[in-house]
C-alpha atoms as a PDB file:
ATOM      1  CA  MET A   1       0.000   0.000   0.000  1.00  0.00           C
ATOM      2  CA  GLU A   2       2.813   2.423   0.874  1.00  0.00           C
ATOM      3  CA  ARG A   3       4.561   1.595  -2.400  1.00  0.00           C
ATOM      4  CA  GLN A   4       1.363   2.290  -4.364  1.00  0.00           C
ATOM      5  CA  SER A   5       0.949   5.620  -2.560  1.00  0.00           C
ATOM      6  CA  ALA A   6       4.530   6.556  -3.454  1.00  0.00           C
ATOM      7  CA  VAL A   7       3.864   5.758  -7.124  1.00  0.00           C
ATOM      8  CA  ILE A   8       0.705   7.888  -7.124  1.00  0.00           C
ATOM      9  CA  ARG A   9       2.544  10.740  -5.431  1.00  0.00           C
ATOM     10  CA  ARG A  10       5.283  10.629  -8.090  1.00  0.00           C
ATOM     11  CA  GLU A  11       2.662  10.658 -10.833  1.00  0.00           C
ATOM     12  CA  ILE A  12       0.878  13.613  -9.244  1.00  0.00           C
ATOM     13  CA  THR A  13       4.075  15.704  -9.210  1.00  0.00           C
ATOM     14  CA  ALA A  14       4.325  15.236 -12.995  1.00  0.00           C
ATOM     15  CA  ILE A  15       0.788  16.521 -13.683  1.00  0.00           C
ATOM     16  CA  PRO A  16       0.821  20.141 -14.988  1.00  0.00           C
ATOM     17  CA  LEU A  17      -2.274  21.013 -12.937  1.00  0.00           C
ATOM     18  CA  PHE A  18      -0.262  20.449  -9.767  1.00  0.00           C
ATOM     19  CA  ASN A  19       2.975  22.206 -10.741  1.00  0.00           C
ATOM     20  CA  GLY A  20       4.638  24.249  -8.025  1.00  0.00           C
ATOM     21  CA  LEU A  21       2.680  22.963  -5.040  1.00  0.00           C
ATOM     22  CA  PRO A  22       4.278  22.532  -1.608  1.00  0.00           C
ATOM     23  CA  GLN A  23       5.617  19.041  -0.955  1.00  0.00           C
ATOM     24  CA  ARG A  24       3.106  18.452   1.823  1.00  0.00           C
ATOM     25  CA  GLN A  25       0.255  19.050  -0.608  1.00  0.00           C
ATOM     26  CA  TYR A  26       1.545  16.342  -2.950  1.00  0.00           C
ATOM     27  CA  ASP A  27       1.268  13.990   0.002  1.00  0.00           C
ATOM     28  CA  GLN A  28      -2.258  15.215   0.720  1.00  0.00           C
ATOM     29  CA  LEU A  29      -3.304  14.795  -2.910  1.00  0.00           C
ATOM     30  CA  ALA A  30      -1.887  11.278  -2.964  1.00  0.00           C
ATOM     31  CA  GLY A  31      -3.849  10.593   0.206  1.00  0.00           C
ATOM     32  CA  ILE A  32      -7.224  11.406  -1.398  1.00  0.00           C
ATOM     33  CA  ALA A  33      -6.566  10.136  -4.950  1.00  0.00           C
ATOM     34  CA  LEU A  34      -8.418   7.036  -6.118  1.00  0.00           C
ATOM     35  CA  ASP A  35      -6.686   4.958  -8.814  1.00  0.00           C
ATOM     36  CA  ARG A  36      -9.170   3.821 -11.487  1.00  0.00           C
ATOM     37  CA  SER A  37      -8.819   1.969 -14.806  1.00  0.00           C
ATOM     38  CA  TYR A  38     -11.191   1.856 -17.780  1.00  0.00           C
ATOM     39  CA  ALA A  39     -11.318  -0.332 -20.861  1.00  0.00           C
ATOM     40  CA  GLY A  40     -11.563   1.195 -24.328  1.00  0.00           C
ATOM     41  CA  GLY A  41     -15.189   2.132 -24.982  1.00  0.00           C
ATOM     42  CA  GLN A  42     -16.115   2.185 -21.295  1.00  0.00           C
ATOM     43  CA  ARG A  43     -18.178   5.138 -20.080  1.00  0.00           C
ATOM     44  CA  ILE A  44     -16.553   7.085 -17.232  1.00  0.00           C
ATOM     45  CA  PHE A  45     -19.516   9.312 -16.497  1.00  0.00           C
ATOM     46  CA  SER A  46     -22.686  10.426 -18.250  1.00  0.00           C
ATOM     47  CA  GLU A  47     -24.211  13.833 -18.780  1.00  0.00           C
ATOM     48  CA  GLY A  48     -26.396  14.606 -15.795  1.00  0.00           C
ATOM     49  CA  ASP A  49     -24.487  12.377 -13.372  1.00  0.00           C
ATOM     50  CA  GLU A  50     -23.664  13.985 -10.043  1.00  0.00           C
ATOM     51  CA  GLY A  51     -20.403  15.947 -10.315  1.00  0.00           C
ATOM     52  CA  ILE A  52     -18.617  14.146  -7.527  1.00  0.00           C
ATOM     53  CA  GLY A  53     -15.018  15.034  -8.321  1.00  0.00           C
ATOM     54  CA  LEU A  54     -12.112  15.721 -10.629  1.00  0.00           C
ATOM     55  CA  TYR A  55     -10.451  13.240 -12.968  1.00  0.00           C
ATOM     56  CA  VAL A  56      -6.857  13.430 -14.213  1.00  0.00           C
ATOM     57  CA  LEU A  57      -5.762  11.109 -17.000  1.00  0.00           C
ATOM     58  CA  VAL A  58      -2.544   9.224 -16.225  1.00  0.00           C
ATOM     59  CA  SER A  59      -2.435   7.112 -19.389  1.00  0.00           C
ATOM     60  CA  GLY A  60      -4.682   6.409 -22.356  1.00  0.00           C
ATOM     61  CA  THR A  61      -7.177   8.664 -24.143  1.00  0.00           C
ATOM     62  CA  VAL A  62     -10.575   9.992 -23.085  1.00  0.00           C
ATOM     63  CA  LYS A  63     -13.182  11.833 -25.137  1.00  0.00           C
ATOM     64  CA  VAL A  64     -15.806  14.192 -23.751  1.00  0.00           C
ATOM     65  CA  TYR A  65     -18.886  14.536 -25.935  1.00  0.00           C
ATOM     66  CA  LYS A  66     -22.533  15.554 -26.155  1.00  0.00           C
ATOM     67  CA  LEU A  67     -25.444  13.654 -27.655  1.00  0.00           C
ATOM     68  CA  SER A  68     -28.351  15.334 -29.429  1.00  0.00           C
ATOM     69  CA  PRO A  69     -31.929  14.128 -28.808  1.00  0.00           C
ATOM     70  CA  GLU A  70     -31.620  12.285 -32.118  1.00  0.00           C
ATOM     71  CA  GLY A  71     -28.501  10.499 -30.909  1.00  0.00           C
ATOM     72  CA  LYS A  72     -25.981  12.478 -32.994  1.00  0.00           C
ATOM     73  CA  GLU A  73     -22.643  12.724 -31.235  1.00  0.00           C
ATOM     74  CA  GLN A  74     -20.502  15.854 -31.062  1.00  0.00           C
ATOM     75  CA  THR A  75     -17.028  15.372 -29.640  1.00  0.00           C
ATOM     76  CA  LEU A  76     -16.031  18.373 -27.539  1.00  0.00           C
ATOM     77  CA  HIS A  77     -12.497  17.387 -26.581  1.00  0.00           C
ATOM     78  CA  VAL A  78     -10.091  14.474 -26.599  1.00  0.00           C
ATOM     79  CA  PHE A  79      -7.770  14.323 -23.594  1.00  0.00           C
ATOM     80  CA  GLY A  80      -4.340  12.747 -23.271  1.00  0.00           C
ATOM     81  CA  ALA A  81      -2.080  11.856 -20.368  1.00  0.00           C
ATOM     82  CA  GLY A  82      -1.693  14.554 -17.731  1.00  0.00           C
ATOM     83  CA  GLU A  83      -4.913  16.393 -18.577  1.00  0.00           C
ATOM     84  CA  PRO A  84      -7.807  16.935 -16.139  1.00  0.00           C
ATOM     85  CA  PHE A  85     -11.470  16.534 -17.043  1.00  0.00           C
ATOM     86  CA  GLY A  86     -14.736  16.908 -15.174  1.00  0.00           C
ATOM     87  CA  GLU A  87     -13.132  19.854 -13.374  1.00  0.00           C
ATOM     88  CA  ALA A  88     -16.212  22.096 -13.622  1.00  0.00           C
ATOM     89  CA  SER A  89     -17.913  19.957 -10.988  1.00  0.00           C
ATOM     90  CA  VAL A  90     -15.219  20.843  -8.436  1.00  0.00           C
ATOM     91  CA  PHE A  91     -16.115  24.534  -8.514  1.00  0.00           C
ATOM     92  CA  ALA A  92     -19.830  24.400  -9.348  1.00  0.00           C
ATOM     93  CA  GLY A  93     -20.910  21.247  -7.550  1.00  0.00           C
ATOM     94  CA  GLN A  94     -23.299  20.642 -10.438  1.00  0.00           C
ATOM     95  CA  PRO A  95     -23.990  17.565 -12.601  1.00  0.00           C
ATOM     96  CA  PHE A  96     -21.507  16.695 -15.333  1.00  0.00           C
ATOM     97  CA  PRO A  97     -22.487  18.685 -18.477  1.00  0.00           C
ATOM     98  CA  ALA A  98     -21.348  16.018 -20.949  1.00  0.00           C
ATOM     99  CA  HIS A  99     -20.403  12.363 -21.325  1.00  0.00           C
ATOM    100  CA  ALA A 100     -16.857  11.008 -20.883  1.00  0.00           C
ATOM    101  CA  GLU A 101     -15.632   7.751 -22.407  1.00  0.00           C
ATOM    102  CA  ALA A 102     -12.261   6.007 -22.619  1.00  0.00           C
ATOM    103  CA  LEU A 103     -11.162   5.658 -26.250  1.00  0.00           C
ATOM    104  CA  ALA A 104      -8.439   3.187 -25.303  1.00  0.00           C
ATOM    105  CA  GLU A 105      -7.419   1.383 -22.145  1.00  0.00           C
ATOM    106  CA  SER A 106      -7.003   4.283 -19.731  1.00  0.00           C
ATOM    107  CA  ARG A 107      -5.971   4.922 -16.167  1.00  0.00           C
ATOM    108  CA  VAL A 108      -7.122   7.947 -14.190  1.00  0.00           C
ATOM    109  CA  LEU A 109      -6.668   9.445 -10.770  1.00  0.00           C
ATOM    110  CA  PHE A 110      -9.984  10.527  -9.282  1.00  0.00           C
ATOM    111  CA  PHE A 111     -10.095  13.265  -6.623  1.00  0.00           C
ATOM    112  CA  PRO A 112     -13.398  13.382  -4.660  1.00  0.00           C
ATOM    113  CA  ARG A 113     -14.872  16.874  -4.679  1.00  0.00           C
ATOM    114  CA  ALA A 114     -15.262  17.436  -0.922  1.00  0.00           C
ATOM    115  CA  ALA A 115     -11.682  16.440  -0.089  1.00  0.00           C
ATOM    116  CA  PHE A 116     -10.278  18.358  -3.061  1.00  0.00           C
ATOM    117  CA  VAL A 117     -12.108  21.558  -2.144  1.00  0.00           C
ATOM    118  CA  GLU A 118     -10.636  21.367   1.356  1.00  0.00           C
ATOM    119  CA  LEU A 119      -7.135  21.269  -0.137  1.00  0.00           C
ATOM    120  CA  ILE A 120      -7.929  24.303  -2.291  1.00  0.00           C
ATOM    121  CA  LYS A 121      -9.025  26.203   0.803  1.00  0.00           C
ATOM    122  CA  GLU A 122      -5.684  25.417   2.454  1.00  0.00           C
ATOM    123  CA  ASP A 123      -3.574  26.516  -0.520  1.00  0.00           C
ATOM    124  CA  PRO A 124      -5.080  28.881  -3.151  1.00  0.00           C
ATOM    125  CA  SER A 125      -2.160  28.192  -5.546  1.00  0.00           C
ATOM    126  CA  LEU A 126      -3.955  24.989  -6.533  1.00  0.00           C
ATOM    127  CA  ALA A 127      -7.021  27.032  -7.489  1.00  0.00           C
ATOM    128  CA  LEU A 128      -4.845  29.378  -9.574  1.00  0.00           C
ATOM    129  CA  ASN A 129      -3.432  26.408 -11.498  1.00  0.00           C
ATOM    130  CA  MET A 130      -6.948  25.177 -12.165  1.00  0.00           C
ATOM    131  CA  LEU A 131      -8.086  28.614 -13.338  1.00  0.00           C
ATOM    132  CA  ALA A 132      -5.193  28.781 -15.803  1.00  0.00           C
ATOM    133  CA  ILE A 133      -6.157  25.403 -17.278  1.00  0.00           C
ATOM    134  CA  LEU A 134      -9.846  26.331 -17.375  1.00  0.00           C
ATOM    135  CA  SER A 135      -8.975  29.559 -19.216  1.00  0.00           C
ATOM    136  CA  ARG A 136      -7.059  27.631 -21.869  1.00  0.00           C
ATOM    137  CA  ARG A 137      -9.926  25.146 -22.121  1.00  0.00           C
ATOM    138  CA  LEU A 138     -12.397  28.002 -22.610  1.00  0.00           C
ATOM    139  CA  ARG A 139     -10.325  29.417 -25.478  1.00  0.00           C
ATOM    140  CA  THR A 140     -10.247  25.972 -27.082  1.00  0.00           C
ATOM    141  CA  PHE A 141     -14.029  25.617 -26.839  1.00  0.00           C
ATOM    142  CA  ALA A 142     -14.546  29.139 -28.173  1.00  0.00           C
ATOM    143  CA  ALA A 143     -12.400  28.263 -31.191  1.00  0.00           C
ATOM    144  CA  LEU A 144     -14.369  25.034 -31.662  1.00  0.00           C
ATOM    145  CA  VAL A 145     -17.674  26.915 -31.644  1.00  0.00           C
ATOM    146  CA  GLU A 146     -16.297  29.422 -34.145  1.00  0.00           C
ATOM    147  CA  ASP A 147     -15.008  26.668 -36.409  1.00  0.00           C
ATOM    148  CA  LEU A 148     -18.272  24.708 -36.338  1.00  0.00           C
ATOM    149  CA  SER A 149     -20.432  27.767 -36.962  1.00  0.00           C
ATOM    150  CA  LEU A 150     -18.339  29.857 -39.367  1.00  0.00           C
ATOM    151  CA  LYS A 151     -15.940  27.569 -41.238  1.00  0.00           C
ATOM    152  CA  GLU A 152     -16.503  24.873 -43.791  1.00  0.00           C
ATOM    153  CA  VAL A 153     -15.176  21.387 -43.016  1.00  0.00           C
ATOM    154  CA  PRO A 154     -11.864  21.805 -44.949  1.00  0.00           C
ATOM    155  CA  GLY A 155     -11.133  24.966 -42.945  1.00  0.00           C
ATOM    156  CA  ARG A 156     -11.949  23.178 -39.681  1.00  0.00           C
ATOM    157  CA  LEU A 157      -9.607  20.320 -40.560  1.00  0.00           C
ATOM    158  CA  ALA A 158      -6.829  22.708 -41.592  1.00  0.00           C
ATOM    159  CA  ALA A 159      -7.230  24.625 -38.316  1.00  0.00           C
ATOM    160  CA  TYR A 160      -7.101  21.379 -36.337  1.00  0.00           C
ATOM    161  CA  LEU A 161      -3.906  20.200 -38.060  1.00  0.00           C
ATOM    162  CA  LEU A 162      -2.272  23.558 -37.379  1.00  0.00           C
ATOM    163  CA  TYR A 163      -3.416  23.322 -33.749  1.00  0.00           C
ATOM    164  CA  LEU A 164      -1.800  19.880 -33.434  1.00  0.00           C
ATOM    165  CA  SER A 165       1.381  21.263 -34.950  1.00  0.00           C
ATOM    166  CA  GLU A 166       1.440  24.151 -32.455  1.00  0.00           C
ATOM    167  CA  GLN A 167       0.954  21.708 -29.587  1.00  0.00           C
ATOM    168  CA  ARG A 168       4.032  19.844 -30.797  1.00  0.00           C
ATOM    169  CA  ASP A 169       6.364  22.852 -31.155  1.00  0.00           C
ATOM    170  CA  LEU A 170       5.416  23.581 -34.773  1.00  0.00           C
ATOM    171  CA  THR A 171       6.512  20.216 -36.118  1.00  0.00           C
ATOM    172  CA  ASP A 172       5.329  19.306 -39.626  1.00  0.00           C
ATOM    173  CA  ASP A 173       5.190  15.580 -38.815  1.00  0.00           C
ATOM    174  CA  LEU A 174       1.967  14.757 -37.000  1.00  0.00           C
ATOM    175  CA  ILE A 175       0.257  11.659 -35.692  1.00  0.00           C
ATOM    176  CA  LEU A 176      -3.493  12.048 -35.253  1.00  0.00           C
ATOM    177  CA  ASP A 177      -4.338  11.519 -31.592  1.00  0.00           C
ATOM    178  CA  MET A 178      -7.666   9.844 -32.364  1.00  0.00           C
ATOM    179  CA  ALA A 179      -9.315   7.559 -34.918  1.00  0.00           C
ATOM    180  CA  LYS A 180     -10.723   9.233 -38.035  1.00  0.00           C
ATOM    181  CA  ASN A 181     -14.313   8.621 -36.973  1.00  0.00           C
ATOM    182  CA  GLN A 182     -13.591  10.457 -33.706  1.00  0.00           C
ATOM    183  CA  LEU A 183     -11.865  13.291 -35.557  1.00  0.00           C
ATOM    184  CA  ALA A 184     -14.858  13.543 -37.889  1.00  0.00           C
ATOM    185  CA  SER A 185     -17.147  13.869 -34.871  1.00  0.00           C
ATOM    186  CA  LEU A 186     -14.916  16.565 -33.380  1.00  0.00           C
ATOM    187  CA  LEU A 187     -15.058  18.523 -36.649  1.00  0.00           C
ATOM    188  CA  GLY A 188     -18.808  18.098 -37.047  1.00  0.00           C
ATOM    189  CA  THR A 189     -18.719  15.882 -40.137  1.00  0.00           C
ATOM    190  CA  ILE A 190     -18.722  12.192 -41.117  1.00  0.00           C
ATOM    191  CA  PRO A 191     -15.706   9.889 -41.724  1.00  0.00           C
ATOM    192  CA  GLU A 192     -16.355   9.604 -45.473  1.00  0.00           C
ATOM    193  CA  THR A 193     -16.293  13.388 -45.901  1.00  0.00           C
ATOM    194  CA  LEU A 194     -13.145  13.634 -43.779  1.00  0.00           C
ATOM    195  CA  SER A 195     -11.366  11.031 -45.935  1.00  0.00           C
ATOM    196  CA  ARG A 196     -12.313  12.872 -49.141  1.00  0.00           C
ATOM    197  CA  ILE A 197     -11.010  16.177 -47.748  1.00  0.00           C
ATOM    198  CA  LEU A 198      -7.715  14.588 -46.661  1.00  0.00           C
ATOM    199  CA  SER A 199      -7.308  13.162 -50.165  1.00  0.00           C
ATOM    200  CA  ARG A 200      -8.001  16.545 -51.762  1.00  0.00           C
ATOM    201  CA  MET A 201      -5.528  18.239 -49.410  1.00  0.00           C
ATOM    202  CA  ALA A 202      -2.915  15.671 -50.423  1.00  0.00           C
ATOM    203  CA  ARG A 203      -3.611  16.136 -54.148  1.00  0.00           C
ATOM    204  CA  GLN A 204      -3.179  19.888 -53.782  1.00  0.00           C
ATOM    205  CA  GLY A 205       0.164  19.417 -52.016  1.00  0.00           C
ATOM    206  CA  LEU A 206      -0.948  20.749 -48.645  1.00  0.00           C
ATOM    207  CA  ILE A 207      -0.259  17.528 -46.755  1.00  0.00           C
ATOM    208  CA  HIS A 208       0.957  13.973 -47.150  1.00  0.00           C
ATOM    209  CA  ALA A 209      -1.307  11.448 -45.407  1.00  0.00           C
ATOM    210  CA  ALA A 210      -0.582   7.823 -44.502  1.00  0.00           C
ATOM    211  CA  GLY A 211      -3.058   6.425 -42.013  1.00  0.00           C
ATOM    212  CA  ARG A 212      -2.856   8.516 -38.851  1.00  0.00           C
ATOM    213  CA  ARG A 213       0.440  10.060 -39.955  1.00  0.00           C
ATOM    214  CA  ILE A 214       0.103  13.505 -41.496  1.00  0.00           C
ATOM    215  CA  LYS A 215       2.989  15.572 -42.832  1.00  0.00           C
ATOM    216  CA  ILE A 216       2.362  19.271 -43.463  1.00  0.00           C
ATOM    217  CA  MET A 217       3.846  20.075 -46.875  1.00  0.00           C
ATOM    218  CA  ASP A 218       2.508  23.618 -47.371  1.00  0.00           C
ATOM    219  CA  ARG A 219       1.971  25.404 -44.057  1.00  0.00           C
ATOM    220  CA  ARG A 220       1.043  28.743 -45.639  1.00  0.00           C
ATOM    221  CA  GLY A 221      -1.515  27.043 -47.852  1.00  0.00           C
ATOM    222  CA  LEU A 222      -2.977  25.261 -44.856  1.00  0.00           C
ATOM    223  CA  GLU A 223      -3.156  28.546 -42.934  1.00  0.00           C
ATOM    224  CA  ALA A 224      -4.950  30.196 -45.875  1.00  0.00           C
ATOM    225  CA  LEU A 225      -7.462  27.338 -45.934  1.00  0.00           C
ATOM    226  CA  ALA A 226      -8.014  27.620 -42.172  1.00  0.00           C
ATOM    227  CA  GLN A 227      -8.655  31.366 -42.545  1.00  0.00           C
ATOM    228  CA  ALA A 228     -11.025  30.847 -45.503  1.00  0.00           C
ATOM    229  CA  GLU A 229      -8.591  32.712 -47.787  1.00  0.00           C
ATOM    230  CA  ARG A 230      -8.551  29.751 -50.196  1.00  0.00           C
ATOM    231  CA  ARG A 231     -10.758  26.789 -50.991  1.00  0.00           C
ATOM    232  CA  LEU A 232     -10.031  23.187 -51.865  1.00  0.00           C
END
């Protein structure tokens, strides 16, 4: 048990949300963290479930999504290792506003709301870290709303590829962090349309695509497409 607690503590220190905390607070976080694992395709929580705490992904991939009354799915975000999700419940104490599902075998640390809030009260620096992450998340969602409402699908895809590149220090060699059907859902389209657009981008020399591997060949052209200054 002590060895497991030491492992969890070490993992917590590597999570960006918890950067710069006092050493004693790492111990306190490890003391309240619950280690949970999920199989690919397993639901973590559903929209409307009681917001009982904060999740931080240690390994694997998790998508957060909404379902329309007709059953159409809209992916809101895909999270990777080190990222928190369900954090709105910690501050608001309200039901989860969307569904969360593991896309692959995933392991998370779960922090119960009541115990986590007590730690925030003891050290406001934890709250400041959370606010910084929530601010970045809000900008991401605002960009998603803009893309879905104002841009055509090729522009949305171009913007997403440029976003991935920025996240990876402007590299031109990308590996899609989700399956194409999930990416299609994120971009508000269907997999067949996404495949056709990737092929057209490749034919026009904007990218080279091989499965999930994408190489940006013409960054300026991709930027023009993302800004609706050119069309496919």
